[in-house]
N, C-alpha and C. Protein backbone atom coordinates (compact mmCIF):
# COMPACT_ATOMS: atom_id res chain seq x y z
N MET A 1 184.05 71.47 102.09
CA MET A 1 184.99 70.37 102.09
C MET A 1 185.57 70.14 103.48
N VAL A 2 185.92 71.23 104.18
CA VAL A 2 186.49 71.09 105.52
C VAL A 2 185.48 70.44 106.46
N GLY A 3 184.21 70.82 106.32
CA GLY A 3 183.17 70.22 107.15
C GLY A 3 183.08 68.72 106.94
N ALA A 4 183.15 68.29 105.68
CA ALA A 4 183.10 66.86 105.36
C ALA A 4 184.32 66.14 105.92
N LEU A 5 185.49 66.74 105.76
CA LEU A 5 186.71 66.13 106.30
C LEU A 5 186.65 66.06 107.82
N TYR A 6 186.09 67.09 108.44
CA TYR A 6 185.98 67.10 109.90
C TYR A 6 185.13 65.91 110.37
N HIS A 7 183.96 65.74 109.75
CA HIS A 7 183.07 64.66 110.19
C HIS A 7 183.67 63.29 109.90
N LEU A 8 184.31 63.14 108.75
CA LEU A 8 184.96 61.87 108.43
C LEU A 8 186.08 61.58 109.42
N THR A 9 186.83 62.63 109.74
CA THR A 9 188.00 62.48 110.60
C THR A 9 187.62 62.23 112.05
N TRP A 10 186.69 63.01 112.57
CA TRP A 10 186.42 62.97 114.01
C TRP A 10 185.11 62.29 114.38
N SER A 11 184.04 62.54 113.65
CA SER A 11 182.74 61.97 114.04
C SER A 11 182.67 60.47 113.80
N PHE A 12 183.38 59.99 112.79
CA PHE A 12 183.32 58.57 112.46
C PHE A 12 184.56 57.80 112.89
N GLY A 13 185.35 58.38 113.76
CA GLY A 13 186.50 57.68 114.32
C GLY A 13 187.67 57.50 113.38
N GLY A 14 187.79 58.34 112.38
CA GLY A 14 188.92 58.25 111.45
C GLY A 14 190.24 58.59 112.11
N VAL A 15 190.19 59.45 113.11
CA VAL A 15 191.40 59.85 113.84
C VAL A 15 191.14 59.65 115.33
N THR A 16 192.12 59.09 116.02
CA THR A 16 191.99 58.91 117.46
C THR A 16 193.07 59.70 118.17
N LEU A 17 192.74 60.16 119.37
CA LEU A 17 193.66 60.93 120.21
C LEU A 17 193.86 60.20 121.53
N GLY A 18 195.07 60.25 122.05
CA GLY A 18 195.33 59.66 123.36
C GLY A 18 196.52 60.33 124.02
N TRP A 19 196.35 60.73 125.27
CA TRP A 19 197.43 61.40 126.00
C TRP A 19 198.37 60.38 126.61
N GLU A 20 199.66 60.63 126.47
CA GLU A 20 200.71 59.87 127.16
C GLU A 20 201.63 60.90 127.80
N GLY A 21 201.35 61.23 129.04
CA GLY A 21 202.11 62.28 129.72
C GLY A 21 201.81 63.63 129.10
N MET A 22 202.85 64.30 128.61
CA MET A 22 202.68 65.62 127.99
C MET A 22 202.52 65.52 126.47
N ARG A 23 202.40 64.30 125.97
CA ARG A 23 202.30 64.09 124.53
C ARG A 23 200.90 63.62 124.15
N LEU A 24 200.41 64.17 123.07
CA LEU A 24 199.13 63.75 122.52
C LEU A 24 199.42 62.92 121.28
N GLU A 25 199.10 61.63 121.35
CA GLU A 25 199.33 60.73 120.22
C GLU A 25 198.10 60.81 119.32
N VAL A 26 198.34 61.12 118.04
CA VAL A 26 197.26 61.29 117.07
C VAL A 26 197.46 60.22 116.00
N SER A 27 196.43 59.40 115.79
CA SER A 27 196.52 58.34 114.78
C SER A 27 195.38 58.48 113.78
N GLY A 28 195.76 58.66 112.54
CA GLY A 28 194.79 58.73 111.45
C GLY A 28 195.01 57.61 110.46
N ALA A 29 195.59 56.50 110.93
CA ALA A 29 195.91 55.38 110.05
C ALA A 29 194.68 54.82 109.36
N SER A 30 193.53 54.85 110.03
CA SER A 30 192.32 54.29 109.42
C SER A 30 191.76 55.17 108.31
N LEU A 31 192.31 56.36 108.12
CA LEU A 31 191.85 57.23 107.02
C LEU A 31 192.39 56.79 105.67
N ARG A 32 193.37 55.91 105.65
CA ARG A 32 194.02 55.54 104.39
C ARG A 32 193.06 54.91 103.39
N ALA A 33 192.00 54.31 103.83
CA ALA A 33 191.06 53.66 102.90
C ALA A 33 189.76 54.44 102.81
N THR A 34 189.84 55.75 102.93
CA THR A 34 188.62 56.56 102.93
C THR A 34 188.66 57.65 101.88
N THR A 35 187.61 58.43 101.87
CA THR A 35 187.50 59.58 100.97
C THR A 35 188.61 60.58 101.24
N CYS A 36 189.01 60.72 102.48
CA CYS A 36 190.08 61.66 102.82
C CYS A 36 191.36 61.29 102.08
N TRP A 37 191.69 60.00 102.07
CA TRP A 37 192.90 59.56 101.37
C TRP A 37 192.75 59.80 99.87
N ALA A 38 191.57 59.53 99.32
CA ALA A 38 191.33 59.77 97.89
C ALA A 38 191.49 61.25 97.56
N PHE A 39 191.03 62.10 98.48
CA PHE A 39 191.17 63.55 98.31
C PHE A 39 192.65 63.94 98.26
N LEU A 40 193.45 63.39 99.15
CA LEU A 40 194.89 63.69 99.17
C LEU A 40 195.59 63.17 97.92
N GLN A 41 195.19 61.99 97.45
CA GLN A 41 195.79 61.44 96.23
C GLN A 41 195.44 62.29 95.01
N ALA A 42 194.19 62.73 94.93
CA ALA A 42 193.77 63.59 93.81
C ALA A 42 194.52 64.91 93.84
N GLU A 43 194.73 65.43 95.03
CA GLU A 43 195.48 66.67 95.19
C GLU A 43 196.92 66.49 94.70
N ASP A 44 197.51 65.34 94.99
CA ASP A 44 198.87 65.05 94.52
C ASP A 44 198.92 64.98 93.00
N GLN A 45 197.94 64.31 92.40
CA GLN A 45 197.93 64.17 90.94
C GLN A 45 197.73 65.51 90.25
N ALA A 46 197.02 66.41 90.90
CA ALA A 46 196.81 67.75 90.33
C ALA A 46 198.00 68.66 90.64
N ARG A 47 199.00 68.11 91.33
CA ARG A 47 200.20 68.84 91.74
C ARG A 47 199.88 70.04 92.63
N GLU A 48 198.86 69.89 93.42
CA GLU A 48 198.52 70.92 94.40
C GLU A 48 199.17 70.53 95.72
N GLN A 49 199.55 71.53 96.50
CA GLN A 49 200.18 71.25 97.78
C GLN A 49 199.65 72.19 98.84
N GLN A 50 199.57 71.66 100.04
CA GLN A 50 199.34 72.52 101.19
C GLN A 50 200.71 72.87 101.73
N CYS A 51 201.04 74.13 101.75
CA CYS A 51 202.34 74.57 102.24
C CYS A 51 202.22 74.78 103.75
N LEU A 52 202.72 73.83 104.50
CA LEU A 52 202.52 73.84 105.95
C LEU A 52 203.71 74.34 106.74
N GLU A 53 204.79 74.72 106.05
CA GLU A 53 205.97 75.15 106.79
C GLU A 53 205.74 76.43 107.57
N TRP A 54 204.72 77.19 107.24
CA TRP A 54 204.42 78.43 107.94
C TRP A 54 203.60 78.19 109.21
N LEU A 55 203.00 77.04 109.34
CA LEU A 55 202.05 76.78 110.43
C LEU A 55 202.59 77.01 111.84
N PRO A 56 203.82 76.61 112.17
CA PRO A 56 204.31 76.85 113.53
C PRO A 56 204.43 78.33 113.89
N TYR A 57 204.50 79.20 112.90
CA TYR A 57 204.71 80.63 113.16
C TYR A 57 203.42 81.44 113.22
N VAL A 58 202.29 80.77 113.11
CA VAL A 58 201.01 81.46 113.15
C VAL A 58 200.68 81.87 114.58
N ASN A 59 200.20 83.09 114.74
CA ASN A 59 199.70 83.52 116.05
C ASN A 59 198.37 82.85 116.29
N LEU A 60 198.20 82.27 117.46
CA LEU A 60 196.94 81.59 117.77
C LEU A 60 195.75 82.53 117.69
N ALA A 61 195.97 83.80 118.02
CA ALA A 61 194.87 84.77 117.97
C ALA A 61 194.48 85.12 116.54
N ASP A 62 195.38 84.88 115.58
CA ASP A 62 195.12 85.26 114.19
C ASP A 62 194.66 84.10 113.32
N LEU A 63 194.74 82.88 113.82
CA LEU A 63 194.40 81.71 113.03
C LEU A 63 192.90 81.68 112.76
N ARG A 64 192.52 81.73 111.49
CA ARG A 64 191.11 81.68 111.11
C ARG A 64 190.90 80.45 110.24
N VAL A 65 190.28 79.46 110.81
CA VAL A 65 190.04 78.20 110.11
C VAL A 65 188.63 77.74 110.41
N HIS A 66 188.18 76.74 109.67
CA HIS A 66 186.84 76.19 109.90
C HIS A 66 186.91 75.05 110.90
N TYR A 67 185.83 74.91 111.66
CA TYR A 67 185.77 73.88 112.68
C TYR A 67 184.50 73.08 112.48
N GLY A 68 184.60 72.00 111.73
CA GLY A 68 183.45 71.14 111.50
C GLY A 68 182.29 71.89 110.88
N GLY A 69 181.11 71.64 111.35
CA GLY A 69 179.93 72.29 110.82
C GLY A 69 179.61 73.59 111.52
N THR A 70 180.46 74.00 112.47
CA THR A 70 180.14 75.20 113.25
C THR A 70 180.67 76.48 112.65
N GLY A 71 181.31 76.41 111.49
CA GLY A 71 181.79 77.62 110.85
C GLY A 71 183.20 77.99 111.27
N THR A 72 183.51 79.27 111.16
CA THR A 72 184.86 79.75 111.47
C THR A 72 185.05 79.85 112.97
N ILE A 73 186.22 79.45 113.40
CA ILE A 73 186.52 79.48 114.83
C ILE A 73 187.00 80.86 115.23
N THR A 74 186.62 81.32 116.38
CA THR A 74 187.12 82.60 116.90
C THR A 74 188.13 82.29 117.98
N LYS A 75 189.35 82.60 117.72
CA LYS A 75 190.43 82.21 118.62
C LYS A 75 190.37 82.87 119.99
N THR A 76 189.85 84.09 120.07
CA THR A 76 189.84 84.77 121.36
C THR A 76 189.05 83.98 122.38
N VAL A 77 188.04 83.27 121.95
CA VAL A 77 187.25 82.47 122.87
C VAL A 77 187.79 81.04 122.95
N ASP A 78 187.98 80.41 121.80
CA ASP A 78 188.28 78.99 121.76
C ASP A 78 189.66 78.59 122.29
N PHE A 79 190.67 79.42 122.05
CA PHE A 79 192.01 79.06 122.48
C PHE A 79 192.54 80.00 123.54
N ARG A 80 191.67 80.53 124.33
CA ARG A 80 192.05 81.49 125.37
C ARG A 80 193.10 80.89 126.31
N ARG A 81 192.91 79.66 126.76
CA ARG A 81 193.86 79.01 127.68
C ARG A 81 195.22 78.79 127.03
N LEU A 82 195.21 78.38 125.77
CA LEU A 82 196.47 78.13 125.07
C LEU A 82 197.21 79.43 124.80
N ARG A 83 196.49 80.49 124.51
CA ARG A 83 197.13 81.77 124.22
C ARG A 83 197.82 82.34 125.44
N MET A 84 197.42 81.92 126.63
CA MET A 84 198.12 82.37 127.84
C MET A 84 199.51 81.74 127.93
N LEU A 85 199.70 80.62 127.23
CA LEU A 85 200.97 79.90 127.27
C LEU A 85 201.97 80.42 126.25
N GLY A 86 201.49 81.08 125.20
CA GLY A 86 202.36 81.60 124.15
C GLY A 86 201.55 82.19 123.03
N THR A 87 202.18 83.02 122.22
CA THR A 87 201.44 83.67 121.15
C THR A 87 201.45 82.85 119.86
N GLN A 88 202.60 82.31 119.49
CA GLN A 88 202.67 81.52 118.27
C GLN A 88 202.43 80.05 118.58
N MET A 89 201.99 79.33 117.56
CA MET A 89 201.72 77.91 117.75
C MET A 89 202.97 77.17 118.23
N GLN A 90 204.15 77.55 117.73
CA GLN A 90 205.39 76.87 118.14
C GLN A 90 205.73 77.13 119.60
N ASP A 91 205.12 78.13 120.23
CA ASP A 91 205.33 78.38 121.66
C ASP A 91 204.50 77.43 122.52
N VAL A 92 203.46 76.85 121.93
CA VAL A 92 202.51 76.03 122.68
C VAL A 92 202.66 74.55 122.37
N ILE A 93 202.78 74.22 121.07
CA ILE A 93 202.91 72.81 120.68
C ILE A 93 203.99 72.64 119.61
N HIS A 94 204.56 71.44 119.57
CA HIS A 94 205.40 70.97 118.47
C HIS A 94 204.80 69.65 118.03
N TRP A 95 205.01 69.27 116.79
CA TRP A 95 204.53 67.97 116.35
C TRP A 95 205.61 67.27 115.55
N ARG A 96 205.54 65.95 115.59
CA ARG A 96 206.49 65.11 114.86
C ARG A 96 205.69 64.07 114.09
N CYS A 97 205.96 63.95 112.80
CA CYS A 97 205.30 62.95 111.95
C CYS A 97 206.05 61.63 112.05
N HIS A 98 205.30 60.55 112.17
CA HIS A 98 205.90 59.21 112.25
C HIS A 98 205.61 58.39 111.00
N GLY A 99 204.79 58.90 110.11
CA GLY A 99 204.40 58.16 108.92
C GLY A 99 203.17 57.32 109.20
N GLY A 100 202.53 56.88 108.15
CA GLY A 100 201.35 56.02 108.29
C GLY A 100 200.18 56.69 108.97
N GLY A 101 200.12 58.01 108.94
CA GLY A 101 198.99 58.72 109.53
C GLY A 101 199.11 58.99 111.01
N ARG A 102 200.33 58.90 111.55
CA ARG A 102 200.52 59.12 112.99
C ARG A 102 201.41 60.33 113.23
N ILE A 103 200.99 61.16 114.18
CA ILE A 103 201.83 62.26 114.65
C ILE A 103 201.79 62.30 116.17
N THR A 104 202.83 62.86 116.75
CA THR A 104 202.88 63.10 118.19
C THR A 104 202.92 64.61 118.38
N VAL A 105 202.00 65.12 119.17
CA VAL A 105 201.95 66.55 119.48
C VAL A 105 202.46 66.73 120.89
N MET A 106 203.54 67.51 121.03
CA MET A 106 204.11 67.76 122.35
C MET A 106 203.58 69.09 122.87
N LEU A 107 203.01 69.07 124.04
CA LEU A 107 202.51 70.27 124.70
C LEU A 107 203.68 70.89 125.46
N LEU A 108 204.01 72.12 125.13
CA LEU A 108 205.21 72.76 125.67
C LEU A 108 204.90 73.60 126.90
N ILE A 109 204.47 72.94 127.95
CA ILE A 109 204.19 73.65 129.20
C ILE A 109 204.79 72.85 130.35
N GLN A 110 204.88 73.51 131.49
CA GLN A 110 205.36 72.81 132.67
C GLN A 110 204.24 71.95 133.22
N ARG A 111 204.60 70.89 133.90
CA ARG A 111 203.59 69.96 134.42
C ARG A 111 202.55 70.65 135.30
N ARG A 112 202.97 71.63 136.07
CA ARG A 112 202.01 72.29 136.98
C ARG A 112 200.97 73.12 136.22
N GLN A 113 201.28 73.48 134.96
CA GLN A 113 200.33 74.24 134.16
C GLN A 113 199.32 73.34 133.45
N ARG A 114 199.59 72.04 133.49
CA ARG A 114 198.73 71.11 132.76
C ARG A 114 197.43 70.92 133.53
N GLU A 115 196.38 71.39 132.97
CA GLU A 115 195.06 71.26 133.57
C GLU A 115 194.10 70.79 132.49
N PRO A 116 192.94 70.28 132.87
CA PRO A 116 191.99 69.76 131.88
C PRO A 116 191.63 70.77 130.78
N ALA A 117 191.49 72.04 131.12
CA ALA A 117 191.13 73.04 130.12
C ALA A 117 192.23 73.20 129.06
N VAL A 118 193.49 73.10 129.48
CA VAL A 118 194.61 73.20 128.53
C VAL A 118 194.63 71.96 127.63
N GLN A 119 194.40 70.79 128.21
CA GLN A 119 194.36 69.57 127.41
C GLN A 119 193.21 69.61 126.40
N GLU A 120 192.05 70.07 126.84
CA GLU A 120 190.91 70.17 125.94
C GLU A 120 191.18 71.17 124.82
N GLY A 121 191.81 72.29 125.16
CA GLY A 121 192.16 73.28 124.14
C GLY A 121 193.15 72.73 123.13
N THR A 122 194.10 71.92 123.61
CA THR A 122 195.08 71.30 122.72
C THR A 122 194.40 70.30 121.79
N GLU A 123 193.49 69.50 122.33
CA GLU A 123 192.75 68.55 121.50
C GLU A 123 191.92 69.28 120.45
N GLN A 124 191.29 70.37 120.84
CA GLN A 124 190.49 71.14 119.89
C GLN A 124 191.38 71.74 118.80
N LEU A 125 192.55 72.24 119.18
CA LEU A 125 193.49 72.79 118.20
C LEU A 125 193.93 71.71 117.21
N VAL A 126 194.23 70.51 117.71
CA VAL A 126 194.62 69.41 116.84
C VAL A 126 193.45 69.03 115.92
N ASN A 127 192.23 69.00 116.45
CA ASN A 127 191.05 68.73 115.61
C ASN A 127 190.98 69.70 114.45
N VAL A 128 191.14 70.98 114.76
CA VAL A 128 191.06 72.03 113.76
C VAL A 128 192.19 71.89 112.74
N LEU A 129 193.40 71.66 113.21
CA LEU A 129 194.55 71.57 112.30
C LEU A 129 194.43 70.37 111.36
N VAL A 130 194.07 69.22 111.89
CA VAL A 130 193.96 68.02 111.05
C VAL A 130 192.80 68.15 110.07
N SER A 131 191.70 68.75 110.49
CA SER A 131 190.55 68.92 109.59
C SER A 131 190.86 69.88 108.45
N ASN A 132 191.60 70.93 108.73
CA ASN A 132 191.93 71.92 107.71
C ASN A 132 193.19 71.57 106.93
N PHE A 133 194.10 70.84 107.55
CA PHE A 133 195.37 70.49 106.93
C PHE A 133 195.63 68.99 107.10
N PRO A 134 194.88 68.13 106.41
CA PRO A 134 195.01 66.68 106.62
C PRO A 134 196.40 66.14 106.31
N ARG A 135 197.18 66.88 105.56
CA ARG A 135 198.55 66.42 105.25
C ARG A 135 199.44 66.37 106.48
N LEU A 136 199.03 67.02 107.56
CA LEU A 136 199.81 66.94 108.80
C LEU A 136 200.00 65.51 109.27
N LEU A 137 199.07 64.64 108.91
CA LEU A 137 199.12 63.26 109.38
C LEU A 137 200.14 62.39 108.66
N TYR A 138 200.72 62.89 107.59
CA TYR A 138 201.58 62.05 106.77
C TYR A 138 202.98 62.62 106.69
N ALA A 139 203.97 61.76 106.86
CA ALA A 139 205.37 62.19 106.93
C ALA A 139 205.83 62.89 105.67
N TRP A 140 205.22 62.58 104.53
CA TRP A 140 205.69 63.21 103.31
C TRP A 140 205.32 64.67 103.22
N VAL A 141 204.68 65.21 104.24
CA VAL A 141 204.44 66.65 104.30
C VAL A 141 205.77 67.38 104.36
N HIS A 142 206.70 66.84 105.16
CA HIS A 142 207.99 67.50 105.39
C HIS A 142 209.05 66.86 104.50
N ARG A 143 209.03 67.20 103.24
CA ARG A 143 209.99 66.64 102.29
C ARG A 143 211.24 67.49 102.21
N ASN A 144 211.34 68.51 103.03
CA ASN A 144 212.46 69.44 102.99
C ASN A 144 212.56 70.15 101.65
N ASP A 145 211.44 70.25 100.95
CA ASP A 145 211.40 71.02 99.72
C ASP A 145 211.26 72.48 100.06
N LEU A 146 211.88 73.31 99.27
CA LEU A 146 211.66 74.74 99.41
C LEU A 146 210.54 75.08 98.44
N LEU A 147 209.38 75.37 98.98
CA LEU A 147 208.24 75.69 98.14
C LEU A 147 208.21 77.18 97.88
N MET A 148 208.33 77.53 96.61
CA MET A 148 208.35 78.94 96.26
C MET A 148 207.36 79.15 95.14
N GLN A 149 206.31 79.85 95.43
CA GLN A 149 205.33 80.16 94.41
C GLN A 149 205.07 81.65 94.46
N ALA A 150 205.22 82.28 93.34
CA ALA A 150 204.98 83.71 93.27
C ALA A 150 204.21 84.00 92.00
N THR A 151 202.94 84.25 92.13
CA THR A 151 202.15 84.52 90.95
C THR A 151 201.82 85.99 90.76
N PRO A 152 201.79 86.82 91.81
CA PRO A 152 201.44 88.23 91.58
C PRO A 152 202.47 88.92 90.68
N GLU A 153 201.98 89.77 89.83
CA GLU A 153 202.84 90.49 88.89
C GLU A 153 203.85 91.39 89.59
N ASP A 154 203.51 91.86 90.77
CA ASP A 154 204.39 92.81 91.45
C ASP A 154 205.36 92.15 92.42
N HIS A 155 205.48 90.84 92.38
CA HIS A 155 206.41 90.16 93.27
C HIS A 155 207.84 90.62 92.94
N PRO A 156 208.63 90.99 93.95
CA PRO A 156 209.97 91.55 93.69
C PRO A 156 210.86 90.68 92.80
N SER A 157 210.88 89.37 93.02
CA SER A 157 211.74 88.49 92.22
C SER A 157 211.30 88.46 90.77
N LEU A 158 209.98 88.39 90.54
CA LEU A 158 209.48 88.37 89.17
C LEU A 158 209.73 89.69 88.47
N SER A 159 209.53 90.78 89.17
CA SER A 159 209.76 92.11 88.59
C SER A 159 211.21 92.26 88.17
N GLN A 160 212.13 91.85 89.03
CA GLN A 160 213.55 91.96 88.73
C GLN A 160 213.91 91.07 87.53
N TYR A 161 213.36 89.88 87.47
CA TYR A 161 213.63 88.97 86.36
C TYR A 161 213.13 89.58 85.05
N ARG A 162 211.92 90.13 85.06
CA ARG A 162 211.37 90.73 83.84
C ARG A 162 212.23 91.89 83.35
N ARG A 163 212.67 92.72 84.31
CA ARG A 163 213.51 93.86 83.92
C ARG A 163 214.81 93.39 83.29
N SER A 164 215.43 92.36 83.88
CA SER A 164 216.71 91.88 83.35
C SER A 164 216.55 91.24 81.97
N THR A 165 215.44 90.55 81.73
CA THR A 165 215.24 89.93 80.42
C THR A 165 214.86 90.96 79.36
N GLN A 166 214.21 92.04 79.78
CA GLN A 166 213.85 93.09 78.82
C GLN A 166 215.07 93.89 78.39
N LEU A 167 216.07 94.03 79.27
CA LEU A 167 217.26 94.80 78.96
C LEU A 167 218.18 94.07 77.99
N SER A 168 218.15 92.75 78.00
CA SER A 168 219.08 92.01 77.15
C SER A 168 218.53 91.74 75.77
């Protein structure tokens, strides 16, 4: 599925990238009438969600995601330049959703550190993130909901609840 989304998103021009100073403008507005949009709508109807609030705290060296048809990305090679700038994603980039499939990615480096390899690495990271997490393109990702799902039997909150209900 990620491979198909990657090709729809990037190979067929579903998402465009453009640098404006230290900001990378990402527009996926043309995806609204595609299979990608249908996929997101079906996911909504099934009440499935991608929980993206953890994404800024991911270590770039630990991120394991798919990259188009090339399989799993190895961060030690692919994001070597970005990892020199910071360990967590929030140390390197921030993003802001504008709605309608548009986001702005801010590169958090000093101007003198901005070199073509860093820009290319940032574009590749955005490619990977949008392909694996297409909800990043839409403002309703950040609804300020507290998403709490605990299904394992040994989760502390569930265990405590079970004990309290068994005692009464």
